[in-house]
Amino acid sequence: MSISNTLQSFLNNKHINYQLVKHPYSETSFDSAVSANVPAKRVTKAVILKDDDGYLMAVVPADKDANIESINKKLGRMLMLADEKELDILFSDCAHGAIPAIGEAFNLKVIWDDMIAKEPDCYIEAGDHVDLVYLSHQDFMTLMQNQAHGAICH
């Protein structure tokens, strides 16, 4: 499969430099970090939440869990996890469970954890289970500049 067409078009349209990093097949972002020999705190994972106002992508380091209570408090919402069927529809050109952590590419609002900004670079799922997308710190921050952020994981 390789990189999601939606993600690739978005990154190219934004003139974002990226590199694909191949790794052995893995099911989770944390396992992708291990497989690619990358620190898990530099690999982001996407957690898709929903409420009556729609969907939201929480972006957290692969070695952490999204704190939905903190996100709800920060945004004044009542978000809960989206179900698997919804994810397959929202990310139709991605393999099941390999969601790229760039919500704007998929027309989703985003909240991201501040810990990611402390890293020199980051990696996101490419949309399959064998590739990561490498982004420089500056490019990741450019992509997230208009998105909400805060301490949203534990």
N, C-alpha and C. Protein backbone atom coordinates (compact mmCIF):
# COMPACT_ATOMS: atom_id res chain seq x y z
N MET A 1 0.82 -1.19 0.00
CA MET A 1 0.00 0.00 0.00
C MET A 1 0.87 1.26 0.00
N SER A 2 1.69 1.50 0.99
CA SER A 2 2.54 2.68 1.14
C SER A 2 1.73 3.86 1.68
N ILE A 3 2.15 5.07 1.35
CA ILE A 3 1.53 6.26 1.93
C ILE A 3 0.10 6.47 1.39
N SER A 4 -0.77 6.87 2.27
CA SER A 4 -2.15 7.21 1.90
C SER A 4 -2.13 8.29 0.83
N ASN A 5 -2.95 8.13 -0.21
CA ASN A 5 -3.04 9.15 -1.26
C ASN A 5 -3.49 10.49 -0.70
N THR A 6 -4.42 10.44 0.24
CA THR A 6 -4.92 11.66 0.87
C THR A 6 -3.80 12.38 1.60
N LEU A 7 -3.02 11.64 2.38
CA LEU A 7 -1.91 12.24 3.12
C LEU A 7 -0.85 12.76 2.17
N GLN A 8 -0.49 11.98 1.17
CA GLN A 8 0.55 12.39 0.22
C GLN A 8 0.16 13.68 -0.51
N SER A 9 -1.07 13.76 -0.99
CA SER A 9 -1.55 14.97 -1.66
C SER A 9 -1.51 16.17 -0.73
N PHE A 10 -1.95 15.97 0.51
CA PHE A 10 -1.95 17.05 1.49
C PHE A 10 -0.54 17.57 1.74
N LEU A 11 0.39 16.67 2.01
CA LEU A 11 1.78 17.08 2.30
C LEU A 11 2.40 17.77 1.08
N ASN A 12 2.15 17.24 -0.10
CA ASN A 12 2.70 17.87 -1.31
C ASN A 12 2.10 19.26 -1.53
N ASN A 13 0.79 19.41 -1.32
CA ASN A 13 0.14 20.71 -1.50
C ASN A 13 0.62 21.74 -0.49
N LYS A 14 1.02 21.29 0.68
CA LYS A 14 1.54 22.19 1.73
C LYS A 14 3.05 22.40 1.60
N HIS A 15 3.66 21.75 0.61
CA HIS A 15 5.12 21.83 0.38
C HIS A 15 5.91 21.38 1.60
N ILE A 16 5.44 20.28 2.19
CA ILE A 16 6.11 19.69 3.36
C ILE A 16 7.06 18.60 2.90
N ASN A 17 8.31 18.72 3.32
CA ASN A 17 9.29 17.68 3.02
C ASN A 17 9.08 16.50 3.97
N TYR A 18 9.12 15.31 3.44
CA TYR A 18 8.97 14.12 4.27
C TYR A 18 9.74 12.97 3.63
N GLN A 19 9.97 11.96 4.42
CA GLN A 19 10.61 10.75 3.93
C GLN A 19 9.81 9.56 4.44
N LEU A 20 9.71 8.54 3.62
CA LEU A 20 9.08 7.30 4.06
C LEU A 20 10.15 6.41 4.68
N VAL A 21 9.80 5.84 5.82
CA VAL A 21 10.69 4.93 6.53
C VAL A 21 10.00 3.57 6.59
N LYS A 22 10.57 2.61 5.89
CA LYS A 22 10.02 1.24 5.89
C LYS A 22 10.37 0.54 7.20
N HIS A 23 9.48 -0.34 7.64
CA HIS A 23 9.75 -1.15 8.82
C HIS A 23 8.97 -2.45 8.69
N PRO A 24 9.34 -3.47 9.46
CA PRO A 24 8.56 -4.71 9.43
C PRO A 24 7.11 -4.44 9.86
N TYR A 25 6.19 -5.24 9.35
CA TYR A 25 4.77 -5.09 9.65
C TYR A 25 4.54 -4.98 11.16
N SER A 26 3.70 -4.00 11.53
CA SER A 26 3.33 -3.84 12.94
C SER A 26 1.90 -3.32 13.02
N GLU A 27 1.22 -3.66 14.08
CA GLU A 27 -0.19 -3.31 14.25
C GLU A 27 -0.42 -1.95 14.91
N THR A 28 0.49 -1.52 15.79
CA THR A 28 0.28 -0.29 16.56
C THR A 28 1.40 0.70 16.31
N SER A 29 1.15 1.95 16.62
CA SER A 29 2.18 2.98 16.48
C SER A 29 3.38 2.68 17.37
N PHE A 30 3.12 2.18 18.56
CA PHE A 30 4.22 1.83 19.45
C PHE A 30 5.06 0.72 18.83
N ASP A 31 4.40 -0.30 18.30
CA ASP A 31 5.13 -1.39 17.65
C ASP A 31 5.86 -0.91 16.39
N SER A 32 5.29 0.06 15.70
CA SER A 32 5.98 0.64 14.53
C SER A 32 7.27 1.32 14.97
N ALA A 33 7.22 2.01 16.09
CA ALA A 33 8.43 2.64 16.62
C ALA A 33 9.50 1.60 16.90
N VAL A 34 9.11 0.53 17.56
CA VAL A 34 10.05 -0.55 17.88
C VAL A 34 10.60 -1.16 16.60
N SER A 35 9.71 -1.46 15.64
CA SER A 35 10.12 -2.07 14.38
C SER A 35 11.07 -1.18 13.57
N ALA A 36 10.83 0.12 13.62
CA ALA A 36 11.65 1.07 12.86
C ALA A 36 12.87 1.52 13.64
N ASN A 37 13.01 1.04 14.88
CA ASN A 37 14.14 1.42 15.74
C ASN A 37 14.17 2.94 15.98
N VAL A 38 12.99 3.47 16.29
CA VAL A 38 12.81 4.90 16.55
C VAL A 38 12.25 5.04 17.97
N PRO A 39 12.72 6.02 18.75
CA PRO A 39 12.13 6.20 20.09
C PRO A 39 10.62 6.42 19.99
N ALA A 40 9.86 5.69 20.79
CA ALA A 40 8.40 5.76 20.74
C ALA A 40 7.87 7.16 21.02
N LYS A 41 8.61 7.96 21.78
CA LYS A 41 8.15 9.33 22.07
C LYS A 41 8.22 10.22 20.83
N ARG A 42 8.91 9.77 19.78
CA ARG A 42 8.99 10.53 18.53
C ARG A 42 8.00 10.06 17.49
N VAL A 43 7.32 8.97 17.77
CA VAL A 43 6.28 8.46 16.86
C VAL A 43 4.94 8.92 17.42
N THR A 44 4.14 9.54 16.57
CA THR A 44 2.83 10.02 17.02
C THR A 44 1.77 8.99 16.69
N LYS A 45 0.73 8.99 17.48
CA LYS A 45 -0.42 8.17 17.14
C LYS A 45 -1.66 9.04 17.17
N ALA A 46 -2.61 8.65 16.35
CA ALA A 46 -3.87 9.38 16.24
C ALA A 46 -4.95 8.63 17.01
N VAL A 47 -5.66 9.36 17.84
CA VAL A 47 -6.80 8.81 18.58
C VAL A 47 -8.02 9.61 18.10
N ILE A 48 -8.98 8.93 17.55
CA ILE A 48 -10.14 9.61 16.98
C ILE A 48 -11.29 9.61 17.98
N LEU A 49 -11.76 10.81 18.27
CA LEU A 49 -12.82 11.03 19.24
C LEU A 49 -14.03 11.64 18.53
N LYS A 50 -15.19 11.55 19.17
CA LYS A 50 -16.40 12.13 18.57
C LYS A 50 -17.35 12.59 19.66
N ASP A 51 -18.20 13.52 19.27
CA ASP A 51 -19.34 13.95 20.08
C ASP A 51 -20.38 14.50 19.12
N ASP A 52 -21.38 15.18 19.65
CA ASP A 52 -22.45 15.70 18.79
C ASP A 52 -21.95 16.76 17.80
N ASP A 53 -20.80 17.38 18.09
CA ASP A 53 -20.24 18.40 17.20
C ASP A 53 -19.36 17.80 16.10
N GLY A 54 -19.10 16.50 16.14
CA GLY A 54 -18.31 15.87 15.10
C GLY A 54 -17.09 15.15 15.64
N TYR A 55 -16.15 14.94 14.74
CA TYR A 55 -14.94 14.17 15.06
C TYR A 55 -13.77 15.09 15.38
N LEU A 56 -12.84 14.55 16.14
CA LEU A 56 -11.62 15.26 16.51
C LEU A 56 -10.50 14.23 16.58
N MET A 57 -9.32 14.63 16.11
CA MET A 57 -8.14 13.77 16.21
C MET A 57 -7.25 14.29 17.33
N ALA A 58 -6.98 13.42 18.30
CA ALA A 58 -5.99 13.72 19.34
C ALA A 58 -4.68 13.07 18.90
N VAL A 59 -3.61 13.84 18.91
CA VAL A 59 -2.30 13.34 18.50
C VAL A 59 -1.40 13.31 19.73
N VAL A 60 -0.94 12.10 20.06
CA VAL A 60 -0.11 11.89 21.25
C VAL A 60 1.09 11.02 20.89
N PRO A 61 2.14 11.05 21.71
CA PRO A 61 3.26 10.14 21.47
C PRO A 61 2.80 8.69 21.56
N ALA A 62 3.45 7.82 20.78
CA ALA A 62 3.05 6.42 20.70
C ALA A 62 3.18 5.68 22.03
N ASP A 63 4.01 6.19 22.93
CA ASP A 63 4.19 5.52 24.23
C ASP A 63 3.27 6.08 25.31
N LYS A 64 2.28 6.88 24.92
CA LYS A 64 1.33 7.47 25.86
C LYS A 64 -0.10 7.16 25.43
N ASP A 65 -1.04 7.43 26.33
CA ASP A 65 -2.46 7.30 26.02
C ASP A 65 -3.11 8.68 26.08
N ALA A 66 -4.07 8.92 25.21
CA ALA A 66 -4.81 10.18 25.25
C ALA A 66 -5.64 10.22 26.53
N ASN A 67 -5.64 11.37 27.18
CA ASN A 67 -6.44 11.58 28.38
C ASN A 67 -7.72 12.31 27.94
N ILE A 68 -8.76 11.54 27.68
CA ILE A 68 -9.99 12.10 27.13
C ILE A 68 -10.61 13.11 28.09
N GLU A 69 -10.49 12.86 29.38
CA GLU A 69 -11.02 13.82 30.37
C GLU A 69 -10.33 15.17 30.24
N SER A 70 -9.02 15.17 30.10
CA SER A 70 -8.27 16.43 29.92
C SER A 70 -8.66 17.13 28.63
N ILE A 71 -8.83 16.35 27.56
CA ILE A 71 -9.22 16.93 26.27
C ILE A 71 -10.59 17.57 26.38
N ASN A 72 -11.54 16.87 26.99
CA ASN A 72 -12.89 17.41 27.16
C ASN A 72 -12.87 18.68 27.98
N LYS A 73 -12.08 18.69 29.04
CA LYS A 73 -11.99 19.88 29.90
C LYS A 73 -11.40 21.06 29.13
N LYS A 74 -10.34 20.80 28.38
CA LYS A 74 -9.67 21.87 27.63
C LYS A 74 -10.57 22.44 26.54
N LEU A 75 -11.33 21.57 25.86
CA LEU A 75 -12.14 22.01 24.73
C LEU A 75 -13.60 22.27 25.07
N GLY A 76 -14.02 21.94 26.30
CA GLY A 76 -15.42 22.13 26.68
C GLY A 76 -16.35 21.23 25.88
N ARG A 77 -15.93 19.99 25.67
CA ARG A 77 -16.71 19.04 24.89
C ARG A 77 -16.95 17.78 25.70
N MET A 78 -17.74 16.87 25.14
CA MET A 78 -18.02 15.57 25.76
C MET A 78 -17.64 14.47 24.77
N LEU A 79 -16.37 14.43 24.43
CA LEU A 79 -15.87 13.48 23.44
C LEU A 79 -15.75 12.08 23.99
N MET A 80 -15.88 11.10 23.09
CA MET A 80 -15.66 9.69 23.42
C MET A 80 -14.96 9.07 22.21
N LEU A 81 -14.44 7.88 22.38
CA LEU A 81 -13.77 7.21 21.27
C LEU A 81 -14.75 6.91 20.13
N ALA A 82 -14.30 7.15 18.90
CA ALA A 82 -15.08 6.76 17.73
C ALA A 82 -14.99 5.25 17.57
N ASP A 83 -15.97 4.66 16.93
CA ASP A 83 -15.92 3.20 16.77
C ASP A 83 -15.18 2.81 15.48
N GLU A 84 -14.81 1.56 15.41
CA GLU A 84 -13.97 1.06 14.31
C GLU A 84 -14.60 1.26 12.93
N LYS A 85 -15.90 1.08 12.81
CA LYS A 85 -16.57 1.26 11.51
C LYS A 85 -16.43 2.71 11.03
N GLU A 86 -16.56 3.65 11.96
CA GLU A 86 -16.43 5.06 11.61
C GLU A 86 -15.01 5.36 11.12
N LEU A 87 -14.02 4.74 11.74
CA LEU A 87 -12.62 4.98 11.36
C LEU A 87 -12.37 4.50 9.94
N ASP A 88 -12.93 3.36 9.59
CA ASP A 88 -12.74 2.83 8.24
C ASP A 88 -13.34 3.75 7.18
N ILE A 89 -14.42 4.44 7.53
CA ILE A 89 -15.05 5.39 6.60
C ILE A 89 -14.23 6.68 6.53
N LEU A 90 -13.82 7.21 7.68
CA LEU A 90 -13.05 8.45 7.72
C LEU A 90 -11.69 8.32 7.04
N PHE A 91 -11.09 7.15 7.14
CA PHE A 91 -9.74 6.92 6.62
C PHE A 91 -9.79 5.80 5.58
N SER A 92 -10.62 6.00 4.57
CA SER A 92 -10.90 4.95 3.60
C SER A 92 -9.70 4.53 2.76
N ASP A 93 -8.70 5.39 2.62
CA ASP A 93 -7.52 4.99 1.84
C ASP A 93 -6.35 4.58 2.74
N CYS A 94 -6.67 4.23 3.97
CA CYS A 94 -5.67 3.74 4.92
C CYS A 94 -6.03 2.32 5.34
N ALA A 95 -5.01 1.55 5.65
CA ALA A 95 -5.25 0.22 6.21
C ALA A 95 -5.91 0.38 7.58
N HIS A 96 -6.77 -0.55 7.92
CA HIS A 96 -7.44 -0.52 9.22
C HIS A 96 -6.40 -0.43 10.34
N GLY A 97 -6.52 0.61 11.17
CA GLY A 97 -5.63 0.77 12.31
C GLY A 97 -4.32 1.48 12.03
N ALA A 98 -4.15 2.02 10.83
CA ALA A 98 -2.90 2.73 10.48
C ALA A 98 -3.23 4.17 10.10
N ILE A 99 -3.73 4.92 11.06
CA ILE A 99 -4.23 6.28 10.82
C ILE A 99 -3.09 7.29 10.94
N PRO A 100 -2.86 8.07 9.87
CA PRO A 100 -1.84 9.13 9.95
C PRO A 100 -2.28 10.23 10.92
N ALA A 101 -1.35 10.72 11.71
CA ALA A 101 -1.66 11.71 12.75
C ALA A 101 -1.60 13.15 12.22
N ILE A 102 -2.17 13.35 11.05
CA ILE A 102 -2.32 14.69 10.47
C ILE A 102 -3.80 14.84 10.12
N GLY A 103 -4.58 15.25 11.09
CA GLY A 103 -6.02 15.31 10.93
C GLY A 103 -6.49 16.25 9.84
N GLU A 104 -5.79 17.35 9.66
CA GLU A 104 -6.20 18.33 8.66
C GLU A 104 -6.25 17.71 7.26
N ALA A 105 -5.39 16.74 6.99
CA ALA A 105 -5.40 16.06 5.68
C ALA A 105 -6.74 15.36 5.44
N PHE A 106 -7.41 14.98 6.52
CA PHE A 106 -8.67 14.24 6.44
C PHE A 106 -9.85 15.11 6.91
N ASN A 107 -9.65 16.43 6.90
CA ASN A 107 -10.69 17.40 7.28
C ASN A 107 -11.16 17.24 8.72
N LEU A 108 -10.23 16.90 9.60
CA LEU A 108 -10.55 16.78 11.02
C LEU A 108 -9.84 17.85 11.83
N LYS A 109 -10.52 18.36 12.84
CA LYS A 109 -9.86 19.24 13.80
C LYS A 109 -8.93 18.38 14.64
N VAL A 110 -7.91 19.02 15.18
CA VAL A 110 -6.86 18.30 15.90
C VAL A 110 -6.57 18.99 17.23
N ILE A 111 -6.22 18.17 18.21
CA ILE A 111 -5.57 18.65 19.42
C ILE A 111 -4.35 17.76 19.60
N TRP A 112 -3.20 18.35 19.85
CA TRP A 112 -1.98 17.57 19.96
C TRP A 112 -1.30 17.85 21.30
N ASP A 113 -0.54 16.85 21.74
CA ASP A 113 0.12 16.95 23.04
C ASP A 113 1.42 17.75 22.94
N ASP A 114 1.63 18.62 23.91
CA ASP A 114 2.81 19.50 23.93
C ASP A 114 4.14 18.74 24.00
N MET A 115 4.14 17.50 24.49
CA MET A 115 5.39 16.74 24.57
C MET A 115 6.01 16.55 23.18
N ILE A 116 5.18 16.49 22.16
CA ILE A 116 5.68 16.27 20.80
C ILE A 116 6.58 17.43 20.37
N ALA A 117 6.26 18.65 20.81
CA ALA A 117 7.03 19.83 20.42
C ALA A 117 8.44 19.82 21.00
N LYS A 118 8.69 18.99 22.00
CA LYS A 118 10.01 18.92 22.61
C LYS A 118 10.98 18.02 21.86
N GLU A 119 10.46 17.27 20.89
CA GLU A 119 11.28 16.32 20.14
C GLU A 119 11.91 16.99 18.91
N PRO A 120 13.09 16.52 18.50
CA PRO A 120 13.77 17.14 17.35
C PRO A 120 13.13 16.80 16.00
N ASP A 121 12.31 15.77 15.97
CA ASP A 121 11.62 15.36 14.76
C ASP A 121 10.49 14.43 15.16
N CYS A 122 9.70 13.99 14.20
CA CYS A 122 8.65 13.04 14.54
C CYS A 122 8.32 12.16 13.35
N TYR A 123 7.61 11.10 13.65
CA TYR A 123 7.19 10.12 12.65
C TYR A 123 5.69 9.90 12.84
N ILE A 124 5.01 9.73 11.73
CA ILE A 124 3.58 9.43 11.79
C ILE A 124 3.33 8.18 10.93
N GLU A 125 2.24 7.50 11.21
CA GLU A 125 1.84 6.38 10.37
C GLU A 125 1.57 6.90 8.96
N ALA A 126 1.94 6.13 7.96
CA ALA A 126 1.76 6.54 6.57
C ALA A 126 0.40 6.12 6.02
N GLY A 127 -0.30 5.25 6.74
CA GLY A 127 -1.59 4.76 6.27
C GLY A 127 -1.57 3.27 5.96
N ASP A 128 -0.42 2.65 6.19
CA ASP A 128 -0.32 1.19 6.07
C ASP A 128 0.35 0.68 7.34
N HIS A 129 0.77 -0.52 7.36
CA HIS A 129 1.39 -1.06 8.57
C HIS A 129 2.88 -1.32 8.39
N VAL A 130 3.48 -0.76 7.32
CA VAL A 130 4.90 -1.00 7.07
C VAL A 130 5.69 0.25 6.74
N ASP A 131 5.06 1.42 6.85
CA ASP A 131 5.75 2.68 6.56
C ASP A 131 5.42 3.72 7.62
N LEU A 132 6.42 4.50 7.95
CA LEU A 132 6.24 5.71 8.75
C LEU A 132 6.63 6.89 7.87
N VAL A 133 6.05 8.04 8.15
CA VAL A 133 6.43 9.29 7.48
C VAL A 133 7.29 10.08 8.46
N TYR A 134 8.51 10.37 8.04
CA TYR A 134 9.42 11.18 8.86
C TYR A 134 9.18 12.65 8.54
N LEU A 135 9.03 13.46 9.59
CA LEU A 135 8.88 14.91 9.46
C LEU A 135 9.89 15.60 10.36
N SER A 136 10.48 16.66 9.87
CA SER A 136 11.35 17.47 10.73
C SER A 136 10.49 18.15 11.79
N HIS A 137 11.12 18.60 12.84
CA HIS A 137 10.42 19.33 13.90
C HIS A 137 9.69 20.53 13.29
N GLN A 138 10.40 21.29 12.46
CA GLN A 138 9.81 22.50 11.87
C GLN A 138 8.60 22.18 11.01
N ASP A 139 8.70 21.14 10.20
CA ASP A 139 7.56 20.79 9.34
C ASP A 139 6.36 20.32 10.16
N PHE A 140 6.61 19.53 11.20
CA PHE A 140 5.50 19.10 12.05
C PHE A 140 4.84 20.31 12.71
N MET A 141 5.67 21.22 13.22
CA MET A 141 5.12 22.41 13.89
C MET A 141 4.35 23.28 12.89
N THR A 142 4.82 23.37 11.67
CA THR A 142 4.09 24.12 10.64
C THR A 142 2.70 23.51 10.42
N LEU A 143 2.65 22.19 10.35
CA LEU A 143 1.37 21.51 10.14
C LEU A 143 0.42 21.69 11.34
N MET A 144 0.97 21.83 12.53
CA MET A 144 0.15 21.92 13.74
C MET A 144 -0.08 23.35 14.22
N GLN A 145 0.46 24.33 13.53
CA GLN A 145 0.44 25.71 14.05
C GLN A 145 -0.95 26.26 14.35
N ASN A 146 -1.95 25.85 13.62
CA ASN A 146 -3.31 26.39 13.86
C ASN A 146 -4.21 25.41 14.60
N GLN A 147 -3.62 24.40 15.20
CA GLN A 147 -4.39 23.37 15.90
C GLN A 147 -4.27 23.56 17.41
N ALA A 148 -5.29 23.14 18.13
CA ALA A 148 -5.26 23.21 19.60
C ALA A 148 -4.19 22.25 20.13
N HIS A 149 -3.63 22.59 21.28
CA HIS A 149 -2.62 21.71 21.89
C HIS A 149 -2.65 21.93 23.40
N GLY A 150 -1.98 21.02 24.10
CA GLY A 150 -1.90 21.09 25.55
C GLY A 150 -1.40 19.77 26.11
N ALA A 151 -1.44 19.64 27.42
CA ALA A 151 -1.06 18.40 28.09
C ALA A 151 -2.27 17.47 28.05
N ILE A 152 -2.31 16.58 27.06
CA ILE A 152 -3.52 15.78 26.83
C ILE A 152 -3.28 14.28 26.91
N CYS A 153 -2.16 13.86 27.47
CA CYS A 153 -1.93 12.42 27.56
C CYS A 153 -1.42 12.05 28.93
N HIS A 154 -1.42 10.75 29.17
CA HIS A 154 -0.86 10.20 30.41
C HIS A 154 -0.27 8.85 30.15
